[in-house]
Amino acid sequence: QPLRKLKVGDTFYEPTMALHSVSRNPSKTANTRLLAVILHPRDAKELVILEKPKH
């Protein structure tokens, strides 16, 4: 998906097992706060997806 700039109150969804590889604060003066909610099966063995090495 293309990069997007979120505003106050915006939401976004990432599907299961998606790799979130880019995040940055576009402001040089203000802090960014983000609330993440992760839903997963109780028997999930891994919650982290390792990024494949770039060759």
N, C-alpha and C. Protein backbone atom coordinates (compact mmCIF):
# COMPACT_ATOMS: atom_id res chain seq x y z
N GLN A 1 0.84 -1.18 0.00
CA GLN A 1 0.00 0.00 0.00
C GLN A 1 0.88 1.24 0.00
N PRO A 2 0.40 2.31 -0.59
CA PRO A 2 1.18 3.55 -0.58
C PRO A 2 1.22 4.15 0.83
N LEU A 3 2.23 4.96 1.09
CA LEU A 3 2.33 5.65 2.37
C LEU A 3 1.17 6.63 2.50
N ARG A 4 0.68 6.83 3.72
CA ARG A 4 -0.33 7.86 3.94
C ARG A 4 -0.04 8.58 5.24
N LYS A 5 -0.47 9.81 5.28
CA LYS A 5 -0.29 10.64 6.47
C LYS A 5 -1.61 10.65 7.23
N LEU A 6 -1.58 10.18 8.47
CA LEU A 6 -2.78 10.11 9.29
C LEU A 6 -2.95 11.40 10.07
N LYS A 7 -4.21 11.81 10.23
CA LYS A 7 -4.54 13.00 11.01
C LYS A 7 -5.16 12.54 12.34
N VAL A 8 -5.31 13.45 13.27
CA VAL A 8 -5.94 13.13 14.55
C VAL A 8 -7.28 12.46 14.31
N GLY A 9 -7.51 11.33 14.95
CA GLY A 9 -8.77 10.61 14.83
C GLY A 9 -8.82 9.60 13.70
N ASP A 10 -7.85 9.62 12.79
CA ASP A 10 -7.81 8.64 11.70
C ASP A 10 -7.52 7.25 12.25
N THR A 11 -7.97 6.25 11.54
CA THR A 11 -7.70 4.86 11.90
C THR A 11 -7.15 4.13 10.68
N PHE A 12 -6.51 3.01 10.94
CA PHE A 12 -6.10 2.15 9.84
C PHE A 12 -6.13 0.71 10.30
N TYR A 13 -6.17 -0.20 9.37
CA TYR A 13 -6.26 -1.63 9.64
C TYR A 13 -5.14 -2.33 8.90
N GLU A 14 -4.53 -3.27 9.57
CA GLU A 14 -3.54 -4.13 8.92
C GLU A 14 -4.02 -5.56 9.07
N PRO A 15 -4.08 -6.31 7.99
CA PRO A 15 -4.56 -7.69 8.08
C PRO A 15 -3.58 -8.57 8.86
N THR A 16 -4.06 -9.71 9.29
CA THR A 16 -3.24 -10.68 10.01
C THR A 16 -1.98 -11.01 9.23
N MET A 17 -0.87 -11.09 9.93
CA MET A 17 0.44 -11.44 9.38
C MET A 17 0.97 -10.41 8.38
N ALA A 18 0.46 -9.18 8.43
CA ALA A 18 1.01 -8.12 7.58
C ALA A 18 2.27 -7.57 8.25
N LEU A 19 3.24 -7.20 7.46
CA LEU A 19 4.48 -6.63 7.97
C LEU A 19 4.39 -5.11 7.89
N HIS A 20 4.40 -4.47 9.05
CA HIS A 20 4.36 -3.00 9.11
C HIS A 20 5.81 -2.53 9.15
N SER A 21 6.34 -2.11 8.02
CA SER A 21 7.77 -1.84 7.93
C SER A 21 8.14 -0.36 7.93
N VAL A 22 7.16 0.53 7.82
CA VAL A 22 7.47 1.96 7.78
C VAL A 22 6.56 2.70 8.75
N SER A 23 7.16 3.48 9.62
CA SER A 23 6.39 4.41 10.45
C SER A 23 7.34 5.53 10.86
N ARG A 24 6.85 6.73 10.76
CA ARG A 24 7.66 7.88 11.17
C ARG A 24 6.75 9.06 11.47
N ASN A 25 7.25 9.94 12.30
CA ASN A 25 6.52 11.13 12.68
C ASN A 25 6.87 12.24 11.68
N PRO A 26 5.90 12.75 10.92
CA PRO A 26 6.20 13.79 9.94
C PRO A 26 6.49 15.16 10.58
N SER A 27 6.14 15.32 11.86
CA SER A 27 6.36 16.62 12.52
C SER A 27 7.75 16.68 13.14
N LYS A 28 8.40 17.81 12.98
CA LYS A 28 9.71 18.01 13.60
C LYS A 28 9.58 18.61 15.00
N THR A 29 8.35 19.05 15.37
CA THR A 29 8.18 19.73 16.66
C THR A 29 7.21 19.04 17.61
N ALA A 30 6.29 18.24 17.12
CA ALA A 30 5.27 17.63 17.97
C ALA A 30 5.48 16.12 18.07
N ASN A 31 5.13 15.57 19.22
CA ASN A 31 5.20 14.13 19.40
C ASN A 31 4.00 13.46 18.74
N THR A 32 4.16 12.22 18.38
CA THR A 32 3.06 11.43 17.84
C THR A 32 2.69 10.37 18.87
N ARG A 33 1.39 10.18 19.08
CA ARG A 33 0.92 9.12 19.96
C ARG A 33 0.04 8.19 19.14
N LEU A 34 0.22 6.91 19.36
CA LEU A 34 -0.50 5.89 18.59
C LEU A 34 -0.98 4.82 19.55
N LEU A 35 -2.22 4.41 19.40
CA LEU A 35 -2.77 3.31 20.18
C LEU A 35 -2.95 2.13 19.24
N ALA A 36 -2.31 1.02 19.56
CA ALA A 36 -2.41 -0.18 18.73
C ALA A 36 -3.16 -1.25 19.51
N VAL A 37 -4.11 -1.89 18.85
CA VAL A 37 -4.85 -3.01 19.42
C VAL A 37 -4.56 -4.22 18.55
N ILE A 38 -4.04 -5.27 19.17
CA ILE A 38 -3.69 -6.48 18.42
C ILE A 38 -4.58 -7.62 18.91
N LEU A 39 -5.33 -8.19 18.00
CA LEU A 39 -6.18 -9.34 18.31
C LEU A 39 -5.53 -10.57 17.70
N HIS A 40 -5.40 -11.61 18.49
CA HIS A 40 -4.78 -12.84 17.99
C HIS A 40 -5.37 -14.03 18.72
N PRO A 41 -5.28 -15.22 18.10
CA PRO A 41 -5.77 -16.42 18.78
C PRO A 41 -4.95 -16.69 20.05
N ARG A 42 -5.59 -17.26 21.07
CA ARG A 42 -4.89 -17.56 22.32
C ARG A 42 -3.71 -18.50 22.11
N ASP A 43 -3.81 -19.38 21.12
CA ASP A 43 -2.74 -20.37 20.91
C ASP A 43 -1.70 -19.90 19.89
N ALA A 44 -1.70 -18.62 19.56
CA ALA A 44 -0.72 -18.11 18.59
C ALA A 44 0.69 -18.32 19.12
N LYS A 45 1.55 -18.86 18.28
CA LYS A 45 2.94 -19.14 18.68
C LYS A 45 3.84 -17.93 18.45
N GLU A 46 3.55 -17.13 17.43
CA GLU A 46 4.38 -15.98 17.10
C GLU A 46 3.51 -14.75 16.88
N LEU A 47 3.96 -13.63 17.35
CA LEU A 47 3.26 -12.37 17.12
C LEU A 47 4.12 -11.41 16.32
N VAL A 48 5.34 -11.80 16.02
CA VAL A 48 6.28 -10.95 15.29
C VAL A 48 6.62 -11.63 13.98
N ILE A 49 6.60 -10.86 12.91
CA ILE A 49 7.00 -11.37 11.60
C ILE A 49 8.36 -10.78 11.30
N LEU A 50 9.34 -11.62 11.08
CA LEU A 50 10.68 -11.13 10.76
C LEU A 50 10.76 -10.73 9.30
N GLU A 51 11.37 -9.60 9.05
CA GLU A 51 11.54 -9.11 7.69
C GLU A 51 12.62 -9.94 7.00
N LYS A 52 12.39 -10.30 5.74
CA LYS A 52 13.38 -11.07 4.99
C LYS A 52 14.58 -10.18 4.68
N PRO A 53 15.79 -10.74 4.81
CA PRO A 53 16.99 -9.94 4.50
C PRO A 53 16.99 -9.48 3.05
N LYS A 54 17.50 -8.26 2.83
CA LYS A 54 17.61 -7.74 1.46
C LYS A 54 18.97 -8.12 0.91
N HIS A 55 19.00 -8.68 -0.28
CA HIS A 55 20.28 -9.10 -0.89
C HIS A 55 20.67 -8.17 -1.99
